[in-house]
Amino acid sequence: MLRVKKPQDVGAGLLFVAFGVVGLWFGRDYTLGTSAQMGPGYFPALLSWTLIVIGAFVAARAFVIEGPPITPVNWRSVLSVVATVAVFALLLQRWGAAIAFAAVVAVASFATRESRWKEVVPLALLVSAFCIVVFVYGLKQPLSLWGE
């Protein structure tokens, strides 16, 4: 009887297959054309089928290669990353880039219990200054430094 030896690969493979199937579903109304005369659906279909094949290969490997079991999800880290993106989006326009960049570091620090405010505050200030120099002055992005 087949036994899953690497459950992480089963999950990853099924995810690849799912994205491939969704890609085929959304691109079903586009004409494919040929290799010489590619239609608008040619590349999405090719990419979707590639994802399905890679996903099937990765999932099949799970029955052959030994691997570690799936570990429980660290929800604190996941929620911290999602909150970081949301805080950046909410603060950027109203409070400006300087505050938003610093807030990203502060909120991301909640991902682990090991971070200390004595470390987070200087890091937030340094990251904020670095991002301002790179994005506002270096790349000339139209970001307000201190909000509206």
N, C-alpha and C. Protein backbone atom coordinates (compact mmCIF):
# COMPACT_ATOMS: atom_id res chain seq x y z
N MET A 1 0.84 -1.19 0.00
CA MET A 1 0.00 0.00 0.00
C MET A 1 0.88 1.25 0.00
N LEU A 2 0.45 2.27 -0.73
CA LEU A 2 1.20 3.51 -0.80
C LEU A 2 1.10 4.27 0.52
N ARG A 3 2.24 4.82 0.92
CA ARG A 3 2.29 5.59 2.15
C ARG A 3 2.94 6.92 1.83
N VAL A 4 2.35 8.00 2.33
CA VAL A 4 2.91 9.33 2.13
C VAL A 4 4.12 9.46 3.04
N LYS A 5 5.28 9.66 2.44
CA LYS A 5 6.52 9.77 3.21
C LYS A 5 6.92 11.22 3.44
N LYS A 6 6.39 12.12 2.63
CA LYS A 6 6.74 13.54 2.74
C LYS A 6 5.47 14.37 2.54
N PRO A 7 4.69 14.58 3.61
CA PRO A 7 3.40 15.27 3.47
C PRO A 7 3.50 16.70 2.95
N GLN A 8 4.63 17.35 3.19
CA GLN A 8 4.78 18.73 2.69
C GLN A 8 4.73 18.76 1.17
N ASP A 9 5.29 17.75 0.53
CA ASP A 9 5.27 17.71 -0.93
C ASP A 9 3.87 17.43 -1.48
N VAL A 10 3.08 16.67 -0.75
CA VAL A 10 1.70 16.44 -1.19
C VAL A 10 0.94 17.76 -1.21
N GLY A 11 1.07 18.52 -0.13
CA GLY A 11 0.39 19.82 -0.06
C GLY A 11 0.86 20.78 -1.13
N ALA A 12 2.17 20.86 -1.31
CA ALA A 12 2.72 21.76 -2.34
C ALA A 12 2.28 21.33 -3.73
N GLY A 13 2.33 20.03 -3.99
CA GLY A 13 1.94 19.53 -5.31
C GLY A 13 0.47 19.80 -5.61
N LEU A 14 -0.38 19.58 -4.62
CA LEU A 14 -1.80 19.84 -4.81
C LEU A 14 -2.08 21.33 -5.02
N LEU A 15 -1.30 22.18 -4.36
CA LEU A 15 -1.45 23.62 -4.55
C LEU A 15 -1.06 24.02 -5.98
N PHE A 16 0.03 23.46 -6.48
CA PHE A 16 0.43 23.72 -7.87
C PHE A 16 -0.65 23.26 -8.83
N VAL A 17 -1.17 22.06 -8.62
CA VAL A 17 -2.22 21.54 -9.50
C VAL A 17 -3.46 22.43 -9.44
N ALA A 18 -3.82 22.86 -8.23
CA ALA A 18 -5.00 23.72 -8.08
C ALA A 18 -4.83 25.04 -8.83
N PHE A 19 -3.65 25.67 -8.72
CA PHE A 19 -3.42 26.91 -9.45
C PHE A 19 -3.45 26.67 -10.96
N GLY A 20 -2.92 25.54 -11.41
CA GLY A 20 -2.96 25.22 -12.83
C GLY A 20 -4.39 25.04 -13.32
N VAL A 21 -5.20 24.33 -12.55
CA VAL A 21 -6.60 24.11 -12.94
C VAL A 21 -7.36 25.43 -12.96
N VAL A 22 -7.13 26.26 -11.97
CA VAL A 22 -7.80 27.58 -11.94
C VAL A 22 -7.37 28.40 -13.15
N GLY A 23 -6.08 28.35 -13.50
CA GLY A 23 -5.61 29.07 -14.68
C GLY A 23 -6.28 28.58 -15.96
N LEU A 24 -6.43 27.28 -16.08
CA LEU A 24 -7.13 26.73 -17.24
C LEU A 24 -8.59 27.16 -17.26
N TRP A 25 -9.20 27.19 -16.10
CA TRP A 25 -10.62 27.57 -16.00
C TRP A 25 -10.82 29.02 -16.44
N PHE A 26 -9.98 29.92 -15.92
CA PHE A 26 -10.14 31.34 -16.27
C PHE A 26 -9.75 31.63 -17.72
N GLY A 27 -8.88 30.83 -18.30
CA GLY A 27 -8.46 31.06 -19.67
C GLY A 27 -9.20 30.23 -20.70
N ARG A 28 -10.28 29.58 -20.30
CA ARG A 28 -10.98 28.65 -21.19
C ARG A 28 -11.62 29.34 -22.39
N ASP A 29 -11.94 30.62 -22.29
CA ASP A 29 -12.61 31.31 -23.39
C ASP A 29 -11.64 31.94 -24.38
N TYR A 30 -10.36 31.95 -24.07
CA TYR A 30 -9.37 32.53 -24.97
C TYR A 30 -8.99 31.53 -26.05
N THR A 31 -8.75 32.03 -27.24
CA THR A 31 -8.31 31.15 -28.32
C THR A 31 -6.84 30.80 -28.13
N LEU A 32 -6.52 29.52 -28.38
CA LEU A 32 -5.15 29.06 -28.18
C LEU A 32 -4.24 29.42 -29.35
N GLY A 33 -4.70 29.14 -30.54
CA GLY A 33 -3.85 29.34 -31.71
C GLY A 33 -2.87 28.19 -31.83
N THR A 34 -1.76 28.44 -32.50
CA THR A 34 -0.71 27.43 -32.68
C THR A 34 0.60 28.01 -32.17
N SER A 35 1.63 27.19 -32.23
CA SER A 35 2.95 27.69 -31.81
C SER A 35 3.43 28.82 -32.72
N ALA A 36 3.08 28.75 -33.99
CA ALA A 36 3.49 29.79 -34.94
C ALA A 36 2.58 31.02 -34.85
N GLN A 37 1.31 30.81 -34.58
CA GLN A 37 0.33 31.89 -34.49
C GLN A 37 -0.35 31.82 -33.12
N MET A 38 0.35 32.26 -32.07
CA MET A 38 -0.17 32.14 -30.71
C MET A 38 -1.35 33.09 -30.49
N GLY A 39 -2.39 32.53 -29.91
CA GLY A 39 -3.53 33.33 -29.53
C GLY A 39 -3.36 33.83 -28.10
N PRO A 40 -4.32 34.62 -27.63
CA PRO A 40 -4.20 35.18 -26.27
C PRO A 40 -4.26 34.13 -25.16
N GLY A 41 -4.75 32.94 -25.46
CA GLY A 41 -4.83 31.90 -24.44
C GLY A 41 -3.69 30.91 -24.47
N TYR A 42 -2.77 31.08 -25.40
CA TYR A 42 -1.69 30.09 -25.57
C TYR A 42 -0.77 30.06 -24.35
N PHE A 43 -0.23 31.20 -23.99
CA PHE A 43 0.72 31.23 -22.88
C PHE A 43 0.06 30.89 -21.54
N PRO A 44 -1.13 31.44 -21.22
CA PRO A 44 -1.77 31.03 -19.96
C PRO A 44 -2.04 29.53 -19.90
N ALA A 45 -2.44 28.94 -21.02
CA ALA A 45 -2.69 27.49 -21.04
C ALA A 45 -1.38 26.72 -20.86
N LEU A 46 -0.34 27.17 -21.54
CA LEU A 46 0.97 26.52 -21.41
C LEU A 46 1.47 26.61 -19.97
N LEU A 47 1.35 27.77 -19.38
CA LEU A 47 1.77 27.96 -17.99
C LEU A 47 0.93 27.12 -17.04
N SER A 48 -0.37 27.06 -17.26
CA SER A 48 -1.26 26.27 -16.40
C SER A 48 -0.93 24.79 -16.48
N TRP A 49 -0.72 24.28 -17.69
CA TRP A 49 -0.38 22.87 -17.84
C TRP A 49 0.99 22.56 -17.23
N THR A 50 1.90 23.51 -17.33
CA THR A 50 3.21 23.33 -16.70
C THR A 50 3.07 23.24 -15.18
N LEU A 51 2.24 24.09 -14.61
CA LEU A 51 1.98 24.03 -13.17
C LEU A 51 1.37 22.69 -12.77
N ILE A 52 0.45 22.20 -13.57
CA ILE A 52 -0.20 20.91 -13.27
C ILE A 52 0.82 19.78 -13.32
N VAL A 53 1.68 19.77 -14.32
CA VAL A 53 2.70 18.72 -14.45
C VAL A 53 3.70 18.80 -13.29
N ILE A 54 4.17 19.99 -12.98
CA ILE A 54 5.11 20.14 -11.86
C ILE A 54 4.44 19.72 -10.56
N GLY A 55 3.19 20.12 -10.36
CA GLY A 55 2.46 19.74 -9.15
C GLY A 55 2.29 18.24 -9.03
N ALA A 56 1.98 17.59 -10.13
CA ALA A 56 1.84 16.12 -10.10
C ALA A 56 3.18 15.47 -9.77
N PHE A 57 4.26 15.99 -10.34
CA PHE A 57 5.58 15.44 -10.06
C PHE A 57 5.96 15.63 -8.58
N VAL A 58 5.73 16.82 -8.06
CA VAL A 58 6.06 17.10 -6.65
C VAL A 58 5.22 16.23 -5.73
N ALA A 59 3.92 16.10 -6.02
CA ALA A 59 3.06 15.26 -5.19
C ALA A 59 3.47 13.79 -5.27
N ALA A 60 3.87 13.32 -6.45
CA ALA A 60 4.29 11.93 -6.60
C ALA A 60 5.58 11.65 -5.83
N ARG A 61 6.46 12.63 -5.75
CA ARG A 61 7.70 12.47 -4.98
C ARG A 61 7.42 12.17 -3.51
N ALA A 62 6.30 12.65 -3.02
CA ALA A 62 5.96 12.47 -1.60
C ALA A 62 5.79 11.00 -1.24
N PHE A 63 5.56 10.16 -2.22
CA PHE A 63 5.40 8.73 -1.95
C PHE A 63 6.72 7.97 -2.03
N VAL A 64 7.77 8.66 -2.47
CA VAL A 64 9.06 8.00 -2.68
C VAL A 64 10.13 8.51 -1.69
N ILE A 65 10.18 9.81 -1.48
CA ILE A 65 11.23 10.43 -0.68
C ILE A 65 10.74 10.69 0.74
N GLU A 66 11.55 10.33 1.72
CA GLU A 66 11.23 10.59 3.12
C GLU A 66 11.39 12.08 3.42
N GLY A 67 10.55 12.58 4.30
CA GLY A 67 10.66 13.97 4.70
C GLY A 67 10.04 14.20 6.06
N PRO A 68 10.23 15.38 6.60
CA PRO A 68 9.68 15.67 7.92
C PRO A 68 8.16 15.82 7.87
N PRO A 69 7.50 15.62 9.00
CA PRO A 69 6.04 15.82 9.02
C PRO A 69 5.71 17.31 8.94
N ILE A 70 4.49 17.59 8.65
CA ILE A 70 4.04 18.98 8.60
C ILE A 70 3.96 19.50 10.02
N THR A 71 4.61 20.63 10.24
CA THR A 71 4.61 21.23 11.58
C THR A 71 3.39 22.14 11.72
N PRO A 72 2.95 22.37 12.95
CA PRO A 72 1.82 23.26 13.15
C PRO A 72 2.14 24.69 12.69
N VAL A 73 1.12 25.39 12.25
CA VAL A 73 1.29 26.76 11.77
C VAL A 73 1.50 27.68 12.95
N ASN A 74 2.47 28.56 12.83
CA ASN A 74 2.70 29.58 13.84
C ASN A 74 1.82 30.78 13.49
N TRP A 75 0.63 30.81 14.05
CA TRP A 75 -0.36 31.83 13.70
C TRP A 75 0.10 33.22 14.08
N ARG A 76 0.90 33.33 15.13
CA ARG A 76 1.40 34.64 15.53
C ARG A 76 2.20 35.27 14.39
N SER A 77 3.05 34.50 13.75
CA SER A 77 3.87 35.01 12.64
C SER A 77 3.01 35.33 11.42
N VAL A 78 2.08 34.45 11.11
CA VAL A 78 1.22 34.66 9.94
C VAL A 78 0.39 35.93 10.11
N LEU A 79 -0.23 36.08 11.26
CA LEU A 79 -1.05 37.27 11.51
C LEU A 79 -0.20 38.54 11.55
N SER A 80 1.02 38.42 12.04
CA SER A 80 1.91 39.57 12.08
C SER A 80 2.26 40.05 10.68
N VAL A 81 2.52 39.12 9.77
CA VAL A 81 2.85 39.50 8.39
C VAL A 81 1.64 40.15 7.72
N VAL A 82 0.47 39.58 7.91
CA VAL A 82 -0.74 40.16 7.32
C VAL A 82 -1.01 41.54 7.91
N ALA A 83 -0.85 41.68 9.21
CA ALA A 83 -1.05 42.97 9.86
C ALA A 83 -0.03 44.00 9.39
N THR A 84 1.18 43.56 9.13
CA THR A 84 2.22 44.46 8.65
C THR A 84 1.84 45.07 7.31
N VAL A 85 1.36 44.24 6.41
CA VAL A 85 0.93 44.74 5.10
C VAL A 85 -0.24 45.70 5.24
N ALA A 86 -1.21 45.34 6.09
CA ALA A 86 -2.39 46.19 6.29
C ALA A 86 -2.00 47.53 6.92
N VAL A 87 -1.13 47.51 7.91
CA VAL A 87 -0.71 48.75 8.57
C VAL A 87 0.02 49.65 7.57
N PHE A 88 0.89 49.07 6.76
CA PHE A 88 1.59 49.87 5.76
C PHE A 88 0.60 50.53 4.80
N ALA A 89 -0.36 49.76 4.32
CA ALA A 89 -1.35 50.29 3.38
C ALA A 89 -2.19 51.39 4.02
N LEU A 90 -2.54 51.22 5.28
CA LEU A 90 -3.38 52.21 5.95
C LEU A 90 -2.63 53.48 6.33
N LEU A 91 -1.35 53.36 6.66
CA LEU A 91 -0.60 54.51 7.14
C LEU A 91 0.10 55.31 6.06
N LEU A 92 0.43 54.71 4.93
CA LEU A 92 1.28 55.36 3.94
C LEU A 92 0.75 56.71 3.49
N GLN A 93 -0.49 56.77 3.08
CA GLN A 93 -1.01 58.03 2.55
C GLN A 93 -1.32 59.04 3.66
N ARG A 94 -1.94 58.60 4.73
CA ARG A 94 -2.37 59.53 5.77
C ARG A 94 -1.21 60.02 6.63
N TRP A 95 -0.31 59.14 7.04
CA TRP A 95 0.76 59.51 7.97
C TRP A 95 2.10 59.68 7.28
N GLY A 96 2.24 59.21 6.07
CA GLY A 96 3.47 59.41 5.32
C GLY A 96 4.41 58.22 5.38
N ALA A 97 5.41 58.26 4.51
CA ALA A 97 6.34 57.15 4.36
C ALA A 97 7.19 56.94 5.60
N ALA A 98 7.62 58.01 6.24
CA ALA A 98 8.50 57.88 7.40
C ALA A 98 7.82 57.07 8.51
N ILE A 99 6.60 57.38 8.82
CA ILE A 99 5.86 56.67 9.87
C ILE A 99 5.49 55.27 9.40
N ALA A 100 5.07 55.12 8.15
CA ALA A 100 4.66 53.81 7.64
C ALA A 100 5.82 52.83 7.63
N PHE A 101 7.00 53.26 7.21
CA PHE A 101 8.16 52.36 7.20
C PHE A 101 8.53 51.93 8.61
N ALA A 102 8.51 52.86 9.54
CA ALA A 102 8.83 52.53 10.93
C ALA A 102 7.77 51.60 11.52
N ALA A 103 6.51 51.84 11.19
CA ALA A 103 5.43 51.00 11.71
C ALA A 103 5.52 49.58 11.19
N VAL A 104 6.00 49.41 9.96
CA VAL A 104 6.17 48.08 9.40
C VAL A 104 7.11 47.26 10.27
N VAL A 105 8.22 47.84 10.65
CA VAL A 105 9.18 47.13 11.49
C VAL A 105 8.58 46.84 12.86
N ALA A 106 7.89 47.83 13.43
CA ALA A 106 7.30 47.65 14.76
C ALA A 106 6.25 46.53 14.76
N VAL A 107 5.38 46.51 13.78
CA VAL A 107 4.34 45.49 13.72
C VAL A 107 4.94 44.12 13.40
N ALA A 108 5.92 44.08 12.52
CA ALA A 108 6.57 42.82 12.17
C ALA A 108 7.30 42.22 13.37
N SER A 109 7.70 43.05 14.30
CA SER A 109 8.42 42.55 15.48
C SER A 109 7.53 41.68 16.37
N PHE A 110 6.23 41.80 16.21
CA PHE A 110 5.31 40.96 17.00
C PHE A 110 5.29 39.51 16.50
N ALA A 111 5.97 39.22 15.40
CA ALA A 111 5.99 37.86 14.86
C ALA A 111 6.69 36.89 15.81
N THR A 112 7.56 37.39 16.65
CA THR A 112 8.27 36.54 17.60
C THR A 112 8.24 37.14 18.99
N ARG A 113 8.25 36.30 19.98
CA ARG A 113 8.28 36.77 21.36
C ARG A 113 9.67 37.24 21.77
N GLU A 114 10.66 36.95 20.95
CA GLU A 114 12.04 37.25 21.29
C GLU A 114 12.44 38.69 21.02
N SER A 115 11.64 39.45 20.28
CA SER A 115 12.01 40.83 19.98
C SER A 115 11.79 41.71 21.20
N ARG A 116 12.68 42.67 21.37
CA ARG A 116 12.63 43.60 22.50
C ARG A 116 12.56 45.03 21.97
N TRP A 117 11.84 45.88 22.67
CA TRP A 117 11.66 47.26 22.23
C TRP A 117 12.98 48.01 22.12
N LYS A 118 13.96 47.64 22.95
CA LYS A 118 15.27 48.27 22.88
C LYS A 118 15.95 47.99 21.54
N GLU A 119 15.58 46.90 20.91
CA GLU A 119 16.12 46.55 19.60
C GLU A 119 15.22 47.04 18.47
N VAL A 120 13.91 46.99 18.70
CA VAL A 120 12.94 47.30 17.65
C VAL A 120 12.93 48.78 17.29
N VAL A 121 12.98 49.65 18.29
CA VAL A 121 12.90 51.10 18.03
C VAL A 121 14.07 51.59 17.18
N PRO A 122 15.33 51.27 17.55
CA PRO A 122 16.43 51.72 16.67
C PRO A 122 16.36 51.10 15.27
N LEU A 123 15.96 49.82 15.22
CA LEU A 123 15.84 49.18 13.91
C LEU A 123 14.77 49.86 13.07
N ALA A 124 13.64 50.19 13.67
CA ALA A 124 12.56 50.87 12.94
C ALA A 124 13.03 52.22 12.41
N LEU A 125 13.78 52.94 13.22
CA LEU A 125 14.28 54.25 12.77
C LEU A 125 15.30 54.09 11.64
N LEU A 126 16.17 53.11 11.76
CA LEU A 126 17.17 52.86 10.71
C LEU A 126 16.52 52.41 9.40
N VAL A 127 15.59 51.48 9.50
CA VAL A 127 14.91 50.99 8.30
C VAL A 127 14.11 52.11 7.65
N SER A 128 13.46 52.92 8.45
CA SER A 128 12.68 54.03 7.92
C SER A 128 13.59 55.01 7.18
N ALA A 129 14.71 55.36 7.80
CA ALA A 129 15.65 56.28 7.16
C ALA A 129 16.21 55.69 5.87
N PHE A 130 16.56 54.41 5.91
CA PHE A 130 17.10 53.75 4.71
C PHE A 130 16.06 53.75 3.59
N CYS A 131 14.82 53.38 3.91
CA CYS A 131 13.77 53.33 2.88
C CYS A 131 13.47 54.71 2.32
N ILE A 132 13.53 55.73 3.16
CA ILE A 132 13.31 57.10 2.67
C ILE A 132 14.41 57.48 1.69
N VAL A 133 15.66 57.19 2.04
CA VAL A 133 16.78 57.52 1.16
C VAL A 133 16.64 56.77 -0.17
N VAL A 134 16.34 55.47 -0.09
CA VAL A 134 16.27 54.66 -1.30
C VAL A 134 15.06 55.02 -2.16
N PHE A 135 13.87 55.01 -1.56
CA PHE A 135 12.64 55.16 -2.36
C PHE A 135 12.29 56.60 -2.67
N VAL A 136 12.41 57.49 -1.70
CA VAL A 136 11.99 58.88 -1.93
C VAL A 136 13.06 59.66 -2.67
N TYR A 137 14.30 59.56 -2.21
CA TYR A 137 15.36 60.35 -2.83
C TYR A 137 16.08 59.60 -3.96
N GLY A 138 16.39 58.33 -3.75
CA GLY A 138 17.13 57.58 -4.77
C GLY A 138 16.28 57.24 -5.98
N LEU A 139 15.15 56.60 -5.75
CA LEU A 139 14.28 56.18 -6.86
C LEU A 139 13.22 57.21 -7.23
N LYS A 140 13.16 58.29 -6.46
CA LYS A 140 12.23 59.40 -6.71
C LYS A 140 10.78 58.94 -6.79
N GLN A 141 10.39 58.06 -5.89
CA GLN A 141 9.00 57.62 -5.83
C GLN A 141 8.14 58.75 -5.25
N PRO A 142 6.95 58.92 -5.76
CA PRO A 142 6.10 60.03 -5.29
C PRO A 142 5.44 59.70 -3.93
N LEU A 143 6.26 59.58 -2.91
CA LEU A 143 5.75 59.29 -1.58
C LEU A 143 5.89 60.53 -0.70
N SER A 144 4.84 60.83 0.02
CA SER A 144 4.89 61.93 0.96
C SER A 144 5.62 61.46 2.21
N LEU A 145 6.56 62.27 2.69
CA LEU A 145 7.31 61.86 3.88
C LEU A 145 6.47 61.90 5.15
N TRP A 146 5.65 62.91 5.29
CA TRP A 146 4.91 63.08 6.56
C TRP A 146 3.40 63.15 6.36
N GLY A 147 2.89 62.58 5.34
CA GLY A 147 1.44 62.49 5.15
C GLY A 147 0.89 63.58 4.25
N GLU A 148 -0.41 63.61 4.21
CA GLU A 148 -1.12 64.51 3.30
C GLU A 148 -0.75 65.91 3.52
